[in-house]
Amino acid sequence: MSDRGSRSRVKRCTFTLPASDEALIDHIQELANRMGLHTPTRSEVVRAALKHLDWANERRFRSAFEGLERIKTGRPPAAGKGPGEG
């Protein structure tokens, strides 16, 4: 059996984040670096947050979702193109 067969499968994802969450990921990466840890990738930061959320009690779990900013998903229109121009 090759190494490829023994690895867990991964899925490539893209998603929309507000600028404040992007800045938070950058802050977490810098904090890990200052603590002497390897600088986590953006994916590792998200995965660590998911594990933390999974461990949360019901009150903290609910609070995490109720405190989220609701944002419009999807890609923004191409620059310079208005509706019906493309």
PDB file of N, CA and C in Angstrom:
ATOM      1  N   MET A   1       0.849  -1.176   0.000  1.00  0.00           N
ATOM      2  CA  MET A   1       0.000   0.000   0.000  1.00  0.00           C
ATOM      3  C   MET A   1       0.897   1.241   0.000  1.00  0.00           C
ATOM      4  N   SER A   2       0.551   2.240  -0.800  1.00  0.00           N
ATOM      5  CA  SER A   2       1.352   3.462  -0.865  1.00  0.00           C
ATOM      6  C   SER A   2       0.950   4.419   0.244  1.00  0.00           C
ATOM      7  N   ASP A   3       1.784   5.447   0.447  1.00  0.00           N
ATOM      8  CA  ASP A   3       1.474   6.472   1.441  1.00  0.00           C
ATOM      9  C   ASP A   3       0.176   7.186   1.102  1.00  0.00           C
ATOM     10  N   ARG A   4      -0.105   7.352  -0.180  1.00  0.00           N
ATOM     11  CA  ARG A   4      -1.330   8.047  -0.585  1.00  0.00           C
ATOM     12  C   ARG A   4      -2.576   7.341  -0.068  1.00  0.00           C
ATOM     13  N   GLY A   5      -2.568   6.034  -0.063  1.00  0.00           N
ATOM     14  CA  GLY A   5      -3.733   5.286   0.387  1.00  0.00           C
ATOM     15  C   GLY A   5      -3.975   5.383   1.881  1.00  0.00           C
ATOM     16  N   SER A   6      -2.921   5.667   2.660  1.00  0.00           N
ATOM     17  CA  SER A   6      -3.082   5.705   4.106  1.00  0.00           C
ATOM     18  C   SER A   6      -3.434   7.102   4.630  1.00  0.00           C
ATOM     19  N   ARG A   7      -3.336   8.120   3.812  1.00  0.00           N
ATOM     20  CA  ARG A   7      -3.659   9.477   4.247  1.00  0.00           C
ATOM     21  C   ARG A   7      -5.160   9.704   4.251  1.00  0.00           C
ATOM     22  N   SER A   8      -5.593  10.555   5.175  1.00  0.00           N
ATOM     23  CA  SER A   8      -7.010  10.903   5.157  1.00  0.00           C
ATOM     24  C   SER A   8      -7.252  11.859   3.995  1.00  0.00           C
ATOM     25  N   ARG A   9      -8.433  11.771   3.457  1.00  0.00           N
ATOM     26  CA  ARG A   9      -8.773  12.618   2.315  1.00  0.00           C
ATOM     27  C   ARG A   9      -9.016  14.039   2.794  1.00  0.00           C
ATOM     28  N   VAL A  10      -8.680  14.986   1.952  1.00  0.00           N
ATOM     29  CA  VAL A  10      -8.915  16.392   2.273  1.00  0.00           C
ATOM     30  C   VAL A  10      -9.800  16.993   1.201  1.00  0.00           C
ATOM     31  N   LYS A  11     -10.493  18.046   1.557  1.00  0.00           N
ATOM     32  CA  LYS A  11     -11.379  18.737   0.634  1.00  0.00           C
ATOM     33  C   LYS A  11     -10.965  20.194   0.587  1.00  0.00           C
ATOM     34  N   ARG A  12     -10.804  20.699  -0.601  1.00  0.00           N
ATOM     35  CA  ARG A  12     -10.444  22.099  -0.783  1.00  0.00           C
ATOM     36  C   ARG A  12     -11.705  22.945  -0.682  1.00  0.00           C
ATOM     37  N   CYS A  13     -11.679  23.982   0.148  1.00  0.00           N
ATOM     38  CA  CYS A  13     -12.847  24.829   0.369  1.00  0.00           C
ATOM     39  C   CYS A  13     -12.467  26.296   0.188  1.00  0.00           C
ATOM     40  N   THR A  14     -13.420  27.047  -0.263  1.00  0.00           N
ATOM     41  CA  THR A  14     -13.270  28.503  -0.272  1.00  0.00           C
ATOM     42  C   THR A  14     -14.507  29.077   0.387  1.00  0.00           C
ATOM     43  N   PHE A  15     -14.321  30.153   1.115  1.00  0.00           N
ATOM     44  CA  PHE A  15     -15.458  30.775   1.774  1.00  0.00           C
ATOM     45  C   PHE A  15     -15.181  32.253   1.972  1.00  0.00           C
ATOM     46  N   THR A  16     -16.216  32.975   2.318  1.00  0.00           N
ATOM     47  CA  THR A  16     -16.164  34.422   2.453  1.00  0.00           C
ATOM     48  C   THR A  16     -16.000  34.810   3.915  1.00  0.00           C
ATOM     49  N   LEU A  17     -15.064  35.715   4.180  1.00  0.00           N
ATOM     50  CA  LEU A  17     -14.834  36.224   5.531  1.00  0.00           C
ATOM     51  C   LEU A  17     -14.826  37.742   5.505  1.00  0.00           C
ATOM     52  N   PRO A  18     -15.378  38.368   6.534  1.00  0.00           N
ATOM     53  CA  PRO A  18     -15.236  39.821   6.623  1.00  0.00           C
ATOM     54  C   PRO A  18     -13.786  40.180   6.949  1.00  0.00           C
ATOM     55  N   ALA A  19     -13.412  41.408   6.647  1.00  0.00           N
ATOM     56  CA  ALA A  19     -12.034  41.859   6.876  1.00  0.00           C
ATOM     57  C   ALA A  19     -11.621  41.693   8.336  1.00  0.00           C
ATOM     58  N   SER A  20     -12.556  41.871   9.266  1.00  0.00           N
ATOM     59  CA  SER A  20     -12.212  41.736  10.686  1.00  0.00           C
ATOM     60  C   SER A  20     -11.788  40.307  11.025  1.00  0.00           C
ATOM     61  N   ASP A  21     -12.415  39.314  10.388  1.00  0.00           N
ATOM     62  CA  ASP A  21     -12.025  37.918  10.629  1.00  0.00           C
ATOM     63  C   ASP A  21     -10.686  37.603   9.972  1.00  0.00           C
ATOM     64  N   GLU A  22     -10.436  38.183   8.809  1.00  0.00           N
ATOM     65  CA  GLU A  22      -9.126  38.020   8.156  1.00  0.00           C
ATOM     66  C   GLU A  22      -8.037  38.569   9.072  1.00  0.00           C
ATOM     67  N   ALA A  23      -8.306  39.742   9.668  1.00  0.00           N
ATOM     68  CA  ALA A  23      -7.334  40.350  10.582  1.00  0.00           C
ATOM     69  C   ALA A  23      -7.135  39.473  11.822  1.00  0.00           C
ATOM     70  N   LEU A  24      -8.196  38.838  12.286  1.00  0.00           N
ATOM     71  CA  LEU A  24      -8.095  37.951  13.444  1.00  0.00           C
ATOM     72  C   LEU A  24      -7.225  36.733  13.126  1.00  0.00           C
ATOM     73  N   ILE A  25      -7.372  36.182  11.939  1.00  0.00           N
ATOM     74  CA  ILE A  25      -6.512  35.060  11.530  1.00  0.00           C
ATOM     75  C   ILE A  25      -5.054  35.506  11.516  1.00  0.00           C
ATOM     76  N   ASP A  26      -4.791  36.694  10.956  1.00  0.00           N
ATOM     77  CA  ASP A  26      -3.418  37.217  10.945  1.00  0.00           C
ATOM     78  C   ASP A  26      -2.882  37.366  12.368  1.00  0.00           C
ATOM     79  N   HIS A  27      -3.713  37.886  13.271  1.00  0.00           N
ATOM     80  CA  HIS A  27      -3.312  38.064  14.679  1.00  0.00           C
ATOM     81  C   HIS A  27      -2.976  36.712  15.319  1.00  0.00           C
ATOM     82  N   ILE A  28      -3.807  35.707  15.063  1.00  0.00           N
ATOM     83  CA  ILE A  28      -3.575  34.376  15.632  1.00  0.00           C
ATOM     84  C   ILE A  28      -2.276  33.786  15.092  1.00  0.00           C
ATOM     85  N   GLN A  29      -2.015  33.976  13.808  1.00  0.00           N
ATOM     86  CA  GLN A  29      -0.764  33.496  13.223  1.00  0.00           C
ATOM     87  C   GLN A  29       0.439  34.183  13.876  1.00  0.00           C
ATOM     88  N   GLU A  30       0.348  35.496  14.078  1.00  0.00           N
ATOM     89  CA  GLU A  30       1.436  36.243  14.720  1.00  0.00           C
ATOM     90  C   GLU A  30       1.629  35.793  16.166  1.00  0.00           C
ATOM     91  N   LEU A  31       0.537  35.571  16.881  1.00  0.00           N
ATOM     92  CA  LEU A  31       0.612  35.122  18.270  1.00  0.00           C
ATOM     93  C   LEU A  31       1.316  33.767  18.367  1.00  0.00           C
ATOM     94  N   ALA A  32       0.948  32.840  17.505  1.00  0.00           N
ATOM     95  CA  ALA A  32       1.591  31.524  17.500  1.00  0.00           C
ATOM     96  C   ALA A  32       3.084  31.663  17.228  1.00  0.00           C
ATOM     97  N   ASN A  33       3.420  32.531  16.302  1.00  0.00           N
ATOM     98  CA  ASN A  33       4.824  32.758  15.964  1.00  0.00           C
ATOM     99  C   ASN A  33       5.579  33.325  17.168  1.00  0.00           C
ATOM    100  N   ARG A  34       4.991  34.301  17.866  1.00  0.00           N
ATOM    101  CA  ARG A  34       5.632  34.896  19.055  1.00  0.00           C
ATOM    102  C   ARG A  34       5.785  33.875  20.175  1.00  0.00           C
ATOM    103  N   MET A  35       4.880  32.899  20.235  1.00  0.00           N
ATOM    104  CA  MET A  35       4.941  31.869  21.272  1.00  0.00           C
ATOM    105  C   MET A  35       5.956  30.785  20.937  1.00  0.00           C
ATOM    106  N   GLY A  36       6.589  30.892  19.781  1.00  0.00           N
ATOM    107  CA  GLY A  36       7.582  29.907  19.389  1.00  0.00           C
ATOM    108  C   GLY A  36       7.004  28.693  18.687  1.00  0.00           C
ATOM    109  N   LEU A  37       5.717  28.748  18.376  1.00  0.00           N
ATOM    110  CA  LEU A  37       5.092  27.666  17.617  1.00  0.00           C
ATOM    111  C   LEU A  37       5.348  27.896  16.132  1.00  0.00           C
ATOM    112  N   HIS A  38       5.178  26.868  15.324  1.00  0.00           N
ATOM    113  CA  HIS A  38       5.264  27.125  13.889  1.00  0.00           C
ATOM    114  C   HIS A  38       4.098  28.036  13.517  1.00  0.00           C
ATOM    115  N   THR A  39       4.291  28.890  12.549  1.00  0.00           N
ATOM    116  CA  THR A  39       3.217  29.788  12.138  1.00  0.00           C
ATOM    117  C   THR A  39       2.165  28.959  11.424  1.00  0.00           C
ATOM    118  N   PRO A  40       0.950  28.902  11.974  1.00  0.00           N
ATOM    119  CA  PRO A  40      -0.078  28.066  11.356  1.00  0.00           C
ATOM    120  C   PRO A  40      -0.564  28.666  10.038  1.00  0.00           C
ATOM    121  N   THR A  41      -0.948  27.792   9.140  1.00  0.00           N
ATOM    122  CA  THR A  41      -1.577  28.248   7.907  1.00  0.00           C
ATOM    123  C   THR A  41      -2.984  28.731   8.231  1.00  0.00           C
ATOM    124  N   ARG A  42      -3.614  29.416   7.300  1.00  0.00           N
ATOM    125  CA  ARG A  42      -4.989  29.857   7.500  1.00  0.00           C
ATOM    126  C   ARG A  42      -5.890  28.641   7.740  1.00  0.00           C
ATOM    127  N   SER A  43      -5.646  27.583   7.012  1.00  0.00           N
ATOM    128  CA  SER A  43      -6.421  26.357   7.173  1.00  0.00           C
ATOM    129  C   SER A  43      -6.257  25.789   8.584  1.00  0.00           C
ATOM    130  N   GLU A  44      -5.041  25.796   9.106  1.00  0.00           N
ATOM    131  CA  GLU A  44      -4.811  25.282  10.458  1.00  0.00           C
ATOM    132  C   GLU A  44      -5.515  26.136  11.511  1.00  0.00           C
ATOM    133  N   VAL A  45      -5.558  27.445  11.309  1.00  0.00           N
ATOM    134  CA  VAL A  45      -6.270  28.316  12.244  1.00  0.00           C
ATOM    135  C   VAL A  45      -7.756  27.961  12.248  1.00  0.00           C
ATOM    136  N   VAL A  46      -8.338  27.798  11.076  1.00  0.00           N
ATOM    137  CA  VAL A  46      -9.761  27.449  10.980  1.00  0.00           C
ATOM    138  C   VAL A  46     -10.012  26.081  11.605  1.00  0.00           C
ATOM    139  N   ARG A  47      -9.138  25.110  11.326  1.00  0.00           N
ATOM    140  CA  ARG A  47      -9.319  23.765  11.874  1.00  0.00           C
ATOM    141  C   ARG A  47      -9.212  23.765  13.394  1.00  0.00           C
ATOM    142  N   ALA A  48      -8.284  24.551  13.952  1.00  0.00           N
ATOM    143  CA  ALA A  48      -8.162  24.646  15.405  1.00  0.00           C
ATOM    144  C   ALA A  48      -9.425  25.272  16.001  1.00  0.00           C
ATOM    145  N   ALA A  49      -9.956  26.293  15.340  1.00  0.00           N
ATOM    146  CA  ALA A  49     -11.191  26.928  15.817  1.00  0.00           C
ATOM    147  C   ALA A  49     -12.354  25.945  15.782  1.00  0.00           C
ATOM    148  N   LEU A  50     -12.419  25.121  14.745  1.00  0.00           N
ATOM    149  CA  LEU A  50     -13.480  24.119  14.656  1.00  0.00           C
ATOM    150  C   LEU A  50     -13.397  23.126  15.808  1.00  0.00           C
ATOM    151  N   LYS A  51     -12.185  22.671  16.133  1.00  0.00           N
ATOM    152  CA  LYS A  51     -12.022  21.746  17.258  1.00  0.00           C
ATOM    153  C   LYS A  51     -12.452  22.415  18.561  1.00  0.00           C
ATOM    154  N   HIS A  52     -12.073  23.680  18.738  1.00  0.00           N
ATOM    155  CA  HIS A  52     -12.448  24.405  19.944  1.00  0.00           C
ATOM    156  C   HIS A  52     -13.962  24.541  20.035  1.00  0.00           C
ATOM    157  N   LEU A  53     -14.604  24.833  18.925  1.00  0.00           N
ATOM    158  CA  LEU A  53     -16.062  24.963  18.897  1.00  0.00           C
ATOM    159  C   LEU A  53     -16.729  23.621  19.204  1.00  0.00           C
ATOM    160  N   ASP A  54     -16.147  22.549  18.717  1.00  0.00           N
ATOM    161  CA  ASP A  54     -16.700  21.216  18.974  1.00  0.00           C
ATOM    162  C   ASP A  54     -16.629  20.867  20.466  1.00  0.00           C
ATOM    163  N   TRP A  55     -15.609  21.370  21.151  1.00  0.00           N
ATOM    164  CA  TRP A  55     -15.444  21.090  22.576  1.00  0.00           C
ATOM    165  C   TRP A  55     -16.287  22.009  23.454  1.00  0.00           C
ATOM    166  N   ALA A  56     -16.856  23.070  22.882  1.00  0.00           N
ATOM    167  CA  ALA A  56     -17.571  24.076  23.669  1.00  0.00           C
ATOM    168  C   ALA A  56     -18.859  23.508  24.266  1.00  0.00           C
ATOM    169  N   ASN A  57     -19.208  24.036  25.429  1.00  0.00           N
ATOM    170  CA  ASN A  57     -20.502  23.654  25.980  1.00  0.00           C
ATOM    171  C   ASN A  57     -21.599  24.357  25.168  1.00  0.00           C
ATOM    172  N   GLU A  58     -22.836  24.003  25.416  1.00  0.00           N
ATOM    173  CA  GLU A  58     -23.946  24.512  24.609  1.00  0.00           C
ATOM    174  C   GLU A  58     -24.052  26.041  24.667  1.00  0.00           C
ATOM    175  N   ARG A  59     -23.831  26.626  25.831  1.00  0.00           N
ATOM    176  CA  ARG A  59     -23.934  28.081  25.973  1.00  0.00           C
ATOM    177  C   ARG A  59     -22.886  28.786  25.126  1.00  0.00           C
ATOM    178  N   ARG A  60     -21.643  28.324  25.183  1.00  0.00           N
ATOM    179  CA  ARG A  60     -20.575  28.937  24.390  1.00  0.00           C
ATOM    180  C   ARG A  60     -20.780  28.682  22.893  1.00  0.00           C
ATOM    181  N   PHE A  61     -21.260  27.509  22.566  1.00  0.00           N
ATOM    182  CA  PHE A  61     -21.544  27.174  21.171  1.00  0.00           C
ATOM    183  C   PHE A  61     -22.584  28.143  20.604  1.00  0.00           C
ATOM    184  N   ARG A  62     -23.689  28.307  21.332  1.00  0.00           N
ATOM    185  CA  ARG A  62     -24.754  29.220  20.906  1.00  0.00           C
ATOM    186  C   ARG A  62     -24.234  30.654  20.799  1.00  0.00           C
ATOM    187  N   SER A  63     -23.482  31.087  21.782  1.00  0.00           N
ATOM    188  CA  SER A  63     -22.944  32.434  21.809  1.00  0.00           C
ATOM    189  C   SER A  63     -22.043  32.707  20.605  1.00  0.00           C
ATOM    190  N   ALA A  64     -21.249  31.710  20.217  1.00  0.00           N
ATOM    191  CA  ALA A  64     -20.351  31.882  19.073  1.00  0.00           C
ATOM    192  C   ALA A  64     -21.138  32.184  17.798  1.00  0.00           C
ATOM    193  N   PHE A  65     -22.242  31.503  17.615  1.00  0.00           N
ATOM    194  CA  PHE A  65     -23.031  31.713  16.399  1.00  0.00           C
ATOM    195  C   PHE A  65     -23.898  32.952  16.475  1.00  0.00           C
ATOM    196  N   GLU A  66     -24.413  33.233  17.647  1.00  0.00           N
ATOM    197  CA  GLU A  66     -25.253  34.427  17.784  1.00  0.00           C
ATOM    198  C   GLU A  66     -24.425  35.704  17.640  1.00  0.00           C
ATOM    199  N   GLY A  67     -23.146  35.629  17.921  1.00  0.00           N
ATOM    200  CA  GLY A  67     -22.280  36.797  17.825  1.00  0.00           C
ATOM    201  C   GLY A  67     -21.680  37.027  16.451  1.00  0.00           C
ATOM    202  N   LEU A  68     -21.935  36.131  15.518  1.00  0.00           N
ATOM    203  CA  LEU A  68     -21.355  36.285  14.180  1.00  0.00           C
ATOM    204  C   LEU A  68     -22.056  37.364  13.372  1.00  0.00           C
ATOM    205  N   GLU A  69     -21.258  38.112  12.629  1.00  0.00           N
ATOM    206  CA  GLU A  69     -21.796  39.070  11.668  1.00  0.00           C
ATOM    207  C   GLU A  69     -22.313  38.283  10.465  1.00  0.00           C
ATOM    208  N   ARG A  70     -23.521  38.563  10.036  1.00  0.00           N
ATOM    209  CA  ARG A  70     -24.077  37.911   8.846  1.00  0.00           C
ATOM    210  C   ARG A  70     -23.546  38.644   7.625  1.00  0.00           C
ATOM    211  N   ILE A  71     -22.961  37.905   6.695  1.00  0.00           N
ATOM    212  CA  ILE A  71     -22.397  38.526   5.506  1.00  0.00           C
ATOM    213  C   ILE A  71     -22.959  37.884   4.254  1.00  0.00           C
ATOM    214  N   LYS A  72     -22.973  38.642   3.187  1.00  0.00           N
ATOM    215  CA  LYS A  72     -23.417  38.128   1.904  1.00  0.00           C
ATOM    216  C   LYS A  72     -22.301  37.254   1.348  1.00  0.00           C
ATOM    217  N   THR A  73     -22.660  36.071   0.886  1.00  0.00           N
ATOM    218  CA  THR A  73     -21.655  35.154   0.357  1.00  0.00           C
ATOM    219  C   THR A  73     -21.548  35.301  -1.155  1.00  0.00           C
ATOM    220  N   GLY A  74     -20.533  34.720  -1.703  1.00  0.00           N
ATOM    221  CA  GLY A  74     -20.329  34.747  -3.146  1.00  0.00           C
ATOM    222  C   GLY A  74     -19.246  35.730  -3.532  1.00  0.00           C
ATOM    223  N   ARG A  75     -18.909  35.697  -4.788  1.00  0.00           N
ATOM    224  CA  ARG A  75     -17.864  36.568  -5.306  1.00  0.00           C
ATOM    225  C   ARG A  75     -18.445  37.931  -5.673  1.00  0.00           C
ATOM    226  N   PRO A  76     -17.664  38.987  -5.433  1.00  0.00           N
ATOM    227  CA  PRO A  76     -18.132  40.308  -5.848  1.00  0.00           C
ATOM    228  C   PRO A  76     -18.082  40.408  -7.374  1.00  0.00           C
ATOM    229  N   PRO A  77     -18.872  41.310  -7.966  1.00  0.00           N
ATOM    230  CA  PRO A  77     -18.823  41.460  -9.415  1.00  0.00           C
ATOM    231  C   PRO A  77     -17.446  41.922  -9.859  1.00  0.00           C
ATOM    232  N   ALA A  78     -17.080  41.588 -11.089  1.00  0.00           N
ATOM    233  CA  ALA A  78     -15.789  41.989 -11.638  1.00  0.00           C
ATOM    234  C   ALA A  78     -15.698  43.507 -11.667  1.00  0.00           C
ATOM    235  N   ALA A  79     -14.520  44.037 -11.394  1.00  0.00           N
ATOM    236  CA  ALA A  79     -14.316  45.493 -11.363  1.00  0.00           C
ATOM    237  C   ALA A  79     -14.622  46.111 -12.716  1.00  0.00           C
ATOM    238  N   GLY A  80     -15.354  47.219 -12.699  1.00  0.00           N
ATOM    239  CA  GLY A  80     -15.643  47.938 -13.926  1.00  0.00           C
ATOM    240  C   GLY A  80     -16.801  47.400 -14.725  1.00  0.00           C
ATOM    241  N   LYS A  81     -17.410  46.339 -14.264  1.00  0.00           N
ATOM    242  CA  LYS A  81     -18.550  45.771 -14.980  1.00  0.00           C
ATOM    243  C   LYS A  81     -19.807  45.957 -14.161  1.00  0.00           C
ATOM    244  N   GLY A  82     -20.763  46.586 -14.756  1.00  0.00           N
ATOM    245  CA  GLY A  82     -22.043  46.735 -14.104  1.00  0.00           C
ATOM    246  C   GLY A  82     -22.973  45.633 -14.541  1.00  0.00           C
ATOM    247  N   PRO A  83     -24.206  45.635 -14.049  1.00  0.00           N
ATOM    248  CA  PRO A  83     -25.170  44.617 -14.467  1.00  0.00           C
ATOM    249  C   PRO A  83     -25.386  44.663 -15.985  1.00  0.00           C
ATOM    250  N   GLY A  84     -25.347  43.518 -16.591  1.00  0.00           N
ATOM    251  CA  GLY A  84     -25.605  43.404 -18.026  1.00  0.00           C
ATOM    252  C   GLY A  84     -24.427  43.772 -18.913  1.00  0.00           C
ATOM    253  N   GLU A  85     -23.237  43.983 -18.324  1.00  0.00           N
ATOM    254  CA  GLU A  85     -22.075  44.366 -19.131  1.00  0.00           C
ATOM    255  C   GLU A  85     -21.085  43.222 -19.306  1.00  0.00           C
ATOM    256  N   GLY A  86     -21.502  42.019 -19.342  1.00  0.00           N
ATOM    257  CA  GLY A  86     -20.455  41.050 -19.458  1.00  0.00           C
ATOM    258  C   GLY A  86     -20.913  39.738 -19.769  1.00  0.00           C
TER     259      GLY A  86
END
